[in-house]
PDB file of N, CA and C in Angstrom:
ATOM      1  N   UNK A   1      54.843  19.643 -30.750  1.00  0.00           N
ATOM      2  CA  UNK A   1      55.363  18.619 -31.607  1.00  0.00           C
ATOM      3  C   UNK A   1      54.581  17.565 -31.916  1.00  0.00           C
ATOM      4  N   UNK A   2      54.180  16.957 -33.628  1.00  0.00           N
ATOM      5  CA  UNK A   2      53.720  15.787 -33.970  1.00  0.00           C
ATOM      6  C   UNK A   2      53.753  14.392 -33.935  1.00  0.00           C
ATOM      7  N   UNK A   3      53.400  13.658 -33.326  1.00  0.00           N
ATOM      8  CA  UNK A   3      53.755  12.491 -32.863  1.00  0.00           C
ATOM      9  C   UNK A   3      52.669  11.540 -33.856  1.00  0.00           C
ATOM     10  N   UNK A   4      52.929  10.498 -34.226  1.00  0.00           N
ATOM     11  CA  UNK A   4      51.568   9.366 -34.548  1.00  0.00           C
ATOM     12  C   UNK A   4      51.782   8.125 -33.618  1.00  0.00           C
ATOM     13  N   UNK A   5      50.425   7.797 -33.608  1.00  0.00           N
ATOM     14  CA  UNK A   5      49.769   7.361 -32.397  1.00  0.00           C
ATOM     15  C   UNK A   5      48.736   6.335 -32.782  1.00  0.00           C
ATOM     16  N   UNK A   6      48.309   5.391 -31.872  1.00  0.00           N
ATOM     17  CA  UNK A   6      46.957   4.345 -32.442  1.00  0.00           C
ATOM     18  C   UNK A   6      46.205   4.502 -31.619  1.00  0.00           C
ATOM     19  N   UNK A   7      45.089   5.078 -31.882  1.00  0.00           N
ATOM     20  CA  UNK A   7      43.885   4.417 -31.235  1.00  0.00           C
ATOM     21  C   UNK A   7      42.688   3.209 -31.538  1.00  0.00           C
ATOM     22  N   UNK A   8      42.464   2.754 -30.956  1.00  0.00           N
ATOM     23  CA  UNK A   8      41.873   1.386 -30.628  1.00  0.00           C
ATOM     24  C   UNK A   8      39.510   2.195 -30.385  1.00  0.00           C
ATOM     25  N   UNK A   9      38.882   1.586 -31.677  1.00  0.00           N
ATOM     26  CA  UNK A   9      37.616   2.500 -31.226  1.00  0.00           C
ATOM     27  C   UNK A   9      36.929   1.209 -32.169  1.00  0.00           C
ATOM     28  N   UNK A  10      35.950   0.499 -31.541  1.00  0.00           N
ATOM     29  CA  UNK A  10      34.755  -0.996 -31.815  1.00  0.00           C
ATOM     30  C   UNK A  10      35.970  -2.254 -32.160  1.00  0.00           C
ATOM     31  N   UNK A  11      36.695  -2.300 -31.915  1.00  0.00           N
ATOM     32  CA  UNK A  11      37.918  -3.194 -32.768  1.00  0.00           C
ATOM     33  C   UNK A  11      39.277  -2.629 -33.831  1.00  0.00           C
ATOM     34  N   UNK A  12      38.982  -1.439 -34.521  1.00  0.00           N
ATOM     35  CA  UNK A  12      39.426  -1.006 -35.399  1.00  0.00           C
ATOM     36  C   UNK A  12      40.678  -0.028 -35.191  1.00  0.00           C
ATOM     37  N   UNK A  13      41.969  -0.159 -35.366  1.00  0.00           N
ATOM     38  CA  UNK A  13      43.049   0.547 -35.385  1.00  0.00           C
ATOM     39  C   UNK A  13      42.686   1.721 -36.481  1.00  0.00           C
ATOM     40  N   UNK A  14      43.141   3.497 -35.500  1.00  0.00           N
ATOM     41  CA  UNK A  14      43.099   3.928 -36.055  1.00  0.00           C
ATOM     42  C   UNK A  14      44.314   5.035 -36.067  1.00  0.00           C
ATOM     43  N   UNK A  15      45.758   5.509 -36.878  1.00  0.00           N
ATOM     44  CA  UNK A  15      46.668   5.812 -36.630  1.00  0.00           C
ATOM     45  C   UNK A  15      45.843   7.554 -36.734  1.00  0.00           C
ATOM     46  N   UNK A  16      46.717   7.820 -36.349  1.00  0.00           N
ATOM     47  CA  UNK A  16      46.471   9.620 -36.127  1.00  0.00           C
ATOM     48  C   UNK A  16      47.508   9.708 -35.734  1.00  0.00           C
ATOM     49  N   UNK A  17      48.102  11.309 -36.642  1.00  0.00           N
ATOM     50  CA  UNK A  17      49.331  11.979 -35.874  1.00  0.00           C
ATOM     51  C   UNK A  17      48.476  13.364 -35.054  1.00  0.00           C
ATOM     52  N   UNK A  18      49.073  13.510 -34.810  1.00  0.00           N
ATOM     53  CA  UNK A  18      48.591  14.848 -33.451  1.00  0.00           C
ATOM     54  C   UNK A  18      49.336  15.474 -32.345  1.00  0.00           C
ATOM     55  N   UNK A  19      49.789  16.462 -32.034  1.00  0.00           N
ATOM     56  CA  UNK A  19      50.697  17.079 -31.191  1.00  0.00           C
ATOM     57  C   UNK A  19      50.027  16.605 -30.001  1.00  0.00           C
ATOM     58  N   UNK A  20      51.401  16.353 -29.539  1.00  0.00           N
ATOM     59  CA  UNK A  20      51.782  15.345 -27.751  1.00  0.00           C
ATOM     60  C   UNK A  20      50.616  16.251 -27.244  1.00  0.00           C
ATOM     61  N   UNK A  21      49.987  17.189 -27.242  1.00  0.00           N
ATOM     62  CA  UNK A  21      49.143  17.628 -25.919  1.00  0.00           C
ATOM     63  C   UNK A  21      47.702  17.032 -26.284  1.00  0.00           C
ATOM     64  N   UNK A  22      47.963  16.988 -27.735  1.00  0.00           N
ATOM     65  CA  UNK A  22      46.173  15.920 -27.920  1.00  0.00           C
ATOM     66  C   UNK A  22      46.252  14.873 -27.221  1.00  0.00           C
ATOM     67  N   UNK A  23      47.275  13.534 -27.162  1.00  0.00           N
ATOM     68  CA  UNK A  23      47.243  12.499 -26.971  1.00  0.00           C
ATOM     69  C   UNK A  23      46.520  11.761 -26.122  1.00  0.00           C
ATOM     70  N   UNK A  24      46.432  12.097 -25.092  1.00  0.00           N
ATOM     71  CA  UNK A  24      45.937  12.332 -23.723  1.00  0.00           C
ATOM     72  C   UNK A  24      44.473  12.530 -23.705  1.00  0.00           C
ATOM     73  N   UNK A  25      43.738  13.232 -24.220  1.00  0.00           N
ATOM     74  CA  UNK A  25      42.609  13.652 -24.332  1.00  0.00           C
ATOM     75  C   UNK A  25      42.009  13.003 -25.710  1.00  0.00           C
ATOM     76  N   UNK A  26      42.804  12.556 -26.657  1.00  0.00           N
ATOM     77  CA  UNK A  26      42.333  11.099 -27.322  1.00  0.00           C
ATOM     78  C   UNK A  26      42.261  10.311 -26.788  1.00  0.00           C
ATOM     79  N   UNK A  27      42.820   9.852 -25.982  1.00  0.00           N
ATOM     80  CA  UNK A  27      42.645   8.070 -25.081  1.00  0.00           C
ATOM     81  C   UNK A  27      41.910   8.604 -24.258  1.00  0.00           C
ATOM     82  N   UNK A  28      41.960   9.388 -23.581  1.00  0.00           N
ATOM     83  CA  UNK A  28      40.253   9.559 -22.146  1.00  0.00           C
ATOM     84  C   UNK A  28      38.969   8.785 -23.470  1.00  0.00           C
ATOM     85  N   UNK A  29      39.356   9.654 -24.327  1.00  0.00           N
ATOM     86  CA  UNK A  29      37.968  10.268 -25.372  1.00  0.00           C
ATOM     87  C   UNK A  29      38.248   8.435 -26.206  1.00  0.00           C
ATOM     88  N   UNK A  30      38.415   8.170 -26.128  1.00  0.00           N
ATOM     89  CA  UNK A  30      38.350   6.733 -27.144  1.00  0.00           C
ATOM     90  C   UNK A  30      37.854   5.798 -25.734  1.00  0.00           C
ATOM     91  N   UNK A  31      38.657   5.469 -24.504  1.00  0.00           N
ATOM     92  CA  UNK A  31      37.983   5.047 -23.350  1.00  0.00           C
ATOM     93  C   UNK A  31      36.627   5.401 -23.090  1.00  0.00           C
ATOM     94  N   UNK A  32      36.157   6.554 -23.023  1.00  0.00           N
ATOM     95  CA  UNK A  32      35.012   6.765 -22.966  1.00  0.00           C
ATOM     96  C   UNK A  32      33.548   6.278 -23.506  1.00  0.00           C
ATOM     97  N   UNK A  33      34.169   6.560 -24.836  1.00  0.00           N
ATOM     98  CA  UNK A  33      34.049   5.388 -26.587  1.00  0.00           C
ATOM     99  C   UNK A  33      33.646   3.808 -26.254  1.00  0.00           C
ATOM    100  N   UNK A  34      34.483   3.711 -25.866  1.00  0.00           N
ATOM    101  CA  UNK A  34      34.545   1.807 -25.682  1.00  0.00           C
ATOM    102  C   UNK A  34      33.307   1.847 -24.746  1.00  0.00           C
ATOM    103  N   UNK A  35      33.356   2.205 -23.264  1.00  0.00           N
ATOM    104  CA  UNK A  35      32.910   2.677 -21.882  1.00  0.00           C
ATOM    105  C   UNK A  35      31.163   2.640 -22.637  1.00  0.00           C
ATOM    106  N   UNK A  36      31.161   3.154 -23.420  1.00  0.00           N
ATOM    107  CA  UNK A  36      29.933   3.507 -24.128  1.00  0.00           C
ATOM    108  C   UNK A  36      28.899   2.476 -25.388  1.00  0.00           C
ATOM    109  N   UNK A  37      30.550   2.058 -26.467  1.00  0.00           N
ATOM    110  CA  UNK A  37      30.160   0.929 -27.158  1.00  0.00           C
ATOM    111  C   UNK A  37      29.773  -0.306 -25.911  1.00  0.00           C
ATOM    112  N   UNK A  38      30.421  -0.548 -25.136  1.00  0.00           N
ATOM    113  CA  UNK A  38      30.022  -2.291 -24.323  1.00  0.00           C
ATOM    114  C   UNK A  38      28.659  -2.508 -23.211  1.00  0.00           C
ATOM    115  N   UNK A  39      28.750  -0.605 -22.995  1.00  0.00           N
ATOM    116  CA  UNK A  39      26.848  -0.184 -21.689  1.00  0.00           C
ATOM    117  C   UNK A  39      25.849  -0.613 -22.476  1.00  0.00           C
ATOM    118  N   UNK A  40      25.820  -0.460 -23.759  1.00  0.00           N
ATOM    119  CA  UNK A  40      24.723   0.184 -25.284  1.00  0.00           C
ATOM    120  C   UNK A  40      25.110  -1.755 -25.517  1.00  0.00           C
ATOM    121  N   UNK A  41      25.725  -2.859 -25.592  1.00  0.00           N
ATOM    122  CA  UNK A  41      25.702  -3.715 -26.504  1.00  0.00           C
ATOM    123  C   UNK A  41      25.559  -4.700 -24.932  1.00  0.00           C
ATOM    124  N   UNK A  42      25.487  -4.403 -24.174  1.00  0.00           N
ATOM    125  CA  UNK A  42      25.384  -5.074 -23.149  1.00  0.00           C
ATOM    126  C   UNK A  42      23.757  -4.473 -22.231  1.00  0.00           C
ATOM    127  N   UNK A  43      23.533  -3.310 -22.181  1.00  0.00           N
ATOM    128  CA  UNK A  43      22.054  -3.409 -21.688  1.00  0.00           C
ATOM    129  C   UNK A  43      20.578  -3.096 -23.062  1.00  0.00           C
ATOM    130  N   UNK A  44      20.647  -3.079 -24.200  1.00  0.00           N
ATOM    131  CA  UNK A  44      20.192  -3.196 -25.354  1.00  0.00           C
ATOM    132  C   UNK A  44      20.280  -3.795 -26.084  1.00  0.00           C
ATOM    133  N   UNK A  45      20.878  -5.392 -25.712  1.00  0.00           N
ATOM    134  CA  UNK A  45      21.090  -6.396 -26.651  1.00  0.00           C
ATOM    135  C   UNK A  45      21.859  -5.951 -28.041  1.00  0.00           C
ATOM    136  N   UNK A  46      22.863  -4.950 -28.102  1.00  0.00           N
ATOM    137  CA  UNK A  46      23.438  -4.889 -29.577  1.00  0.00           C
ATOM    138  C   UNK A  46      24.537  -5.489 -30.211  1.00  0.00           C
ATOM    139  N   UNK A  47      24.209  -6.356 -31.021  1.00  0.00           N
ATOM    140  CA  UNK A  47      25.121  -7.572 -31.629  1.00  0.00           C
ATOM    141  C   UNK A  47      25.600  -6.746 -32.451  1.00  0.00           C
ATOM    142  N   UNK A  48      25.635  -5.308 -33.228  1.00  0.00           N
ATOM    143  CA  UNK A  48      26.109  -5.281 -34.593  1.00  0.00           C
ATOM    144  C   UNK A  48      26.651  -3.743 -33.841  1.00  0.00           C
ATOM    145  N   UNK A  49      28.293  -3.638 -34.224  1.00  0.00           N
ATOM    146  CA  UNK A  49      29.064  -2.440 -33.718  1.00  0.00           C
ATOM    147  C   UNK A  49      28.843  -1.134 -34.039  1.00  0.00           C
ATOM    148  N   UNK A  50      27.859  -1.082 -35.623  1.00  0.00           N
ATOM    149  CA  UNK A  50      27.587   0.205 -35.987  1.00  0.00           C
ATOM    150  C   UNK A  50      26.242   0.782 -35.355  1.00  0.00           C
ATOM    151  N   UNK A  51      25.287  -0.399 -34.602  1.00  0.00           N
ATOM    152  CA  UNK A  51      24.347   0.587 -33.772  1.00  0.00           C
ATOM    153  C   UNK A  51      24.564   0.700 -32.417  1.00  0.00           C
ATOM    154  N   UNK A  52      25.570   0.159 -31.865  1.00  0.00           N
ATOM    155  CA  UNK A  52      26.490   0.508 -30.678  1.00  0.00           C
ATOM    156  C   UNK A  52      27.077   1.796 -30.830  1.00  0.00           C
ATOM    157  N   UNK A  53      27.644   1.742 -32.231  1.00  0.00           N
ATOM    158  CA  UNK A  53      28.418   2.944 -32.452  1.00  0.00           C
ATOM    159  C   UNK A  53      27.625   4.492 -32.908  1.00  0.00           C
ATOM    160  N   UNK A  54      26.310   3.662 -33.400  1.00  0.00           N
ATOM    161  CA  UNK A  54      25.645   5.396 -33.592  1.00  0.00           C
ATOM    162  C   UNK A  54      24.930   5.823 -32.611  1.00  0.00           C
ATOM    163  N   UNK A  55      24.340   4.552 -31.307  1.00  0.00           N
ATOM    164  CA  UNK A  55      23.971   4.867 -29.964  1.00  0.00           C
ATOM    165  C   UNK A  55      25.155   6.166 -29.389  1.00  0.00           C
ATOM    166  N   UNK A  56      26.176   5.078 -29.141  1.00  0.00           N
ATOM    167  CA  UNK A  56      27.211   6.388 -28.762  1.00  0.00           C
ATOM    168  C   UNK A  56      27.805   8.095 -29.173  1.00  0.00           C
ATOM    169  N   UNK A  57      27.332   8.140 -30.460  1.00  0.00           N
ATOM    170  CA  UNK A  57      27.305   8.966 -31.255  1.00  0.00           C
ATOM    171  C   UNK A  57      26.775   9.787 -30.235  1.00  0.00           C
ATOM    172  N   UNK A  58      25.171   9.396 -30.794  1.00  0.00           N
ATOM    173  CA  UNK A  58      23.459   9.930 -29.696  1.00  0.00           C
ATOM    174  C   UNK A  58      24.516  10.816 -28.555  1.00  0.00           C
ATOM    175  N   UNK A  59      24.503   9.752 -27.696  1.00  0.00           N
ATOM    176  CA  UNK A  59      24.848   9.731 -26.895  1.00  0.00           C
ATOM    177  C   UNK A  59      26.201  10.850 -26.419  1.00  0.00           C
ATOM    178  N   UNK A  60      26.965  11.275 -26.561  1.00  0.00           N
ATOM    179  CA  UNK A  60      28.525  12.105 -27.071  1.00  0.00           C
ATOM    180  C   UNK A  60      27.923  13.809 -27.337  1.00  0.00           C
ATOM    181  N   UNK A  61      26.723  13.598 -28.470  1.00  0.00           N
ATOM    182  CA  UNK A  61      26.341  14.644 -29.257  1.00  0.00           C
ATOM    183  C   UNK A  61      25.005  15.189 -27.929  1.00  0.00           C
ATOM    184  N   UNK A  62      24.576  14.484 -27.507  1.00  0.00           N
ATOM    185  CA  UNK A  62      23.592  14.866 -26.689  1.00  0.00           C
ATOM    186  C   UNK A  62      24.131  15.659 -25.569  1.00  0.00           C
ATOM    187  N   UNK A  63      25.582  14.547 -24.813  1.00  0.00           N
ATOM    188  CA  UNK A  63      26.212  15.691 -23.370  1.00  0.00           C
ATOM    189  C   UNK A  63      26.940  16.469 -23.453  1.00  0.00           C
ATOM    190  N   UNK A  64      27.275  17.170 -25.436  1.00  0.00           N
ATOM    191  CA  UNK A  64      27.757  17.952 -25.720  1.00  0.00           C
ATOM    192  C   UNK A  64      27.116  19.080 -25.898  1.00  0.00           C
ATOM    193  N   UNK A  65      25.397  19.481 -25.736  1.00  0.00           N
ATOM    194  CA  UNK A  65      24.675  19.267 -26.618  1.00  0.00           C
ATOM    195  C   UNK A  65      24.049  20.818 -25.280  1.00  0.00           C
ATOM    196  N   UNK A  66      23.988  19.200 -23.925  1.00  0.00           N
ATOM    197  CA  UNK A  66      23.578  20.111 -22.472  1.00  0.00           C
ATOM    198  C   UNK A  66      24.684  20.775 -22.327  1.00  0.00           C
ATOM    199  N   UNK A  67      25.787  20.690 -22.517  1.00  0.00           N
ATOM    200  CA  UNK A  67      27.153  21.364 -21.800  1.00  0.00           C
ATOM    201  C   UNK A  67      27.105  22.945 -22.366  1.00  0.00           C
ATOM    202  N   UNK A  68      26.431  22.917 -23.964  1.00  0.00           N
ATOM    203  CA  UNK A  68      26.875  23.920 -24.992  1.00  0.00           C
ATOM    204  C   UNK A  68      25.528  25.215 -24.203  1.00  0.00           C
ATOM    205  N   UNK A  69      24.046  24.151 -23.585  1.00  0.00           N
ATOM    206  CA  UNK A  69      23.551  25.413 -23.237  1.00  0.00           C
ATOM    207  C   UNK A  69      23.565  25.504 -21.778  1.00  0.00           C
ATOM    208  N   UNK A  70      23.933  24.793 -21.084  1.00  0.00           N
ATOM    209  CA  UNK A  70      24.467  25.146 -19.894  1.00  0.00           C
ATOM    210  C   UNK A  70      25.789  26.247 -20.138  1.00  0.00           C
ATOM    211  N   UNK A  71      26.386  26.453 -21.164  1.00  0.00           N
ATOM    212  CA  UNK A  71      27.058  27.671 -20.939  1.00  0.00           C
ATOM    213  C   UNK A  71      26.850  28.575 -21.396  1.00  0.00           C
ATOM    214  N   UNK A  72      25.716  28.792 -22.538  1.00  0.00           N
ATOM    215  CA  UNK A  72      25.183  29.654 -22.783  1.00  0.00           C
ATOM    216  C   UNK A  72      24.071  30.255 -21.651  1.00  0.00           C
ATOM    217  N   UNK A  73      23.695  29.661 -21.427  1.00  0.00           N
ATOM    218  CA  UNK A  73      23.038  30.327 -20.132  1.00  0.00           C
ATOM    219  C   UNK A  73      23.555  30.794 -18.942  1.00  0.00           C
ATOM    220  N   UNK A  74      24.617  30.517 -18.376  1.00  0.00           N
ATOM    221  CA  UNK A  74      25.703  31.274 -17.475  1.00  0.00           C
ATOM    222  C   UNK A  74      26.258  32.336 -18.057  1.00  0.00           C
ATOM    223  N   UNK A  75      26.419  32.466 -19.683  1.00  0.00           N
ATOM    224  CA  UNK A  75      26.921  33.925 -20.419  1.00  0.00           C
ATOM    225  C   UNK A  75      25.701  34.909 -20.443  1.00  0.00           C
ATOM    226  N   UNK A  76      24.007  34.378 -20.501  1.00  0.00           N
ATOM    227  CA  UNK A  76      23.362  35.158 -20.172  1.00  0.00           C
ATOM    228  C   UNK A  76      22.879  35.951 -19.203  1.00  0.00           C
ATOM    229  N   UNK A  77      23.432  34.761 -17.378  1.00  0.00           N
ATOM    230  CA  UNK A  77      23.469  35.658 -16.416  1.00  0.00           C
ATOM    231  C   UNK A  77      24.319  36.207 -16.609  1.00  0.00           C
ATOM    232  N   UNK A  78      25.486  36.263 -16.647  1.00  0.00           N
ATOM    233  CA  UNK A  78      26.545  37.614 -16.301  1.00  0.00           C
ATOM    234  C   UNK A  78      26.230  38.808 -17.214  1.00  0.00           C
ATOM    235  N   UNK A  79      26.301  38.230 -18.598  1.00  0.00           N
ATOM    236  CA  UNK A  79      25.600  39.550 -19.535  1.00  0.00           C
ATOM    237  C   UNK A  79      24.515  39.950 -18.458  1.00  0.00           C
ATOM    238  N   UNK A  80      23.258  39.872 -17.852  1.00  0.00           N
ATOM    239  CA  UNK A  80      23.136  40.222 -17.326  1.00  0.00           C
ATOM    240  C   UNK A  80      23.191  40.913 -16.092  1.00  0.00           C
ATOM    241  N   UNK A  81      24.183  40.654 -15.486  1.00  0.00           N
ATOM    242  CA  UNK A  81      25.095  41.309 -13.979  1.00  0.00           C
ATOM    243  C   UNK A  81      25.474  42.235 -14.278  1.00  0.00           C
ATOM    244  N   UNK A  82      26.335  41.901 -15.612  1.00  0.00           N
ATOM    245  CA  UNK A  82      27.290  43.194 -15.855  1.00  0.00           C
ATOM    246  C   UNK A  82      26.271  44.636 -16.127  1.00  0.00           C
ATOM    247  N   UNK A  83      25.186  44.060 -16.915  1.00  0.00           N
ATOM    248  CA  UNK A  83      24.527  45.005 -17.312  1.00  0.00           C
ATOM    249  C   UNK A  83      23.444  46.165 -15.819  1.00  0.00           C
ATOM    250  N   UNK A  84      22.954  44.612 -14.711  1.00  0.00           N
ATOM    251  CA  UNK A  84      22.587  45.490 -13.596  1.00  0.00           C
ATOM    252  C   UNK A  84      23.865  46.407 -13.018  1.00  0.00           C
ATOM    253  N   UNK A  85      25.108  46.142 -12.931  1.00  0.00           N
ATOM    254  CA  UNK A  85      26.319  46.829 -12.310  1.00  0.00           C
ATOM    255  C   UNK A  85      26.501  47.773 -13.322  1.00  0.00           C
ATOM    256  N   UNK A  86      26.293  47.869 -14.694  1.00  0.00           N
ATOM    257  CA  UNK A  86      26.252  48.693 -15.220  1.00  0.00           C
ATOM    258  C   UNK A  86      25.959  50.272 -14.871  1.00  0.00           C
ATOM    259  N   UNK A  87      24.521  49.775 -14.690  1.00  0.00           N
ATOM    260  CA  UNK A  87      23.643  50.275 -14.250  1.00  0.00           C
ATOM    261  C   UNK A  87      23.270  51.765 -13.043  1.00  0.00           C
ATOM    262  N   UNK A  88      24.241  50.715 -12.112  1.00  0.00           N
ATOM    263  CA  UNK A  88      24.153  51.020 -10.762  1.00  0.00           C
ATOM    264  C   UNK A  88      25.668  52.004 -10.978  1.00  0.00           C
ATOM    265  N   UNK A  89      26.272  52.336 -11.655  1.00  0.00           N
ATOM    266  CA  UNK A  89      27.584  53.113 -11.832  1.00  0.00           C
ATOM    267  C   UNK A  89      27.639  54.078 -12.377  1.00  0.00           C
TER     268      UNK A  89
END
């Protein structure tokens, strides 16, 4: 069932229509974004929200890329093990 929610990021409200199971994930993601924004503003003396948002986007994209690489490596290792097992049969 879809529902309307408001997500606040960098001082702005974003109304969204989401499935009920998506709401928690979006709220967690918004909190994570806010955490990064605050960290970048404090640690790097960033005064413009756009700069903090850009740094946050870069950080999150970097994390995603690392996760995807790890997943790809795991899949390659699994395939190699399957091939070894197949040869033994």
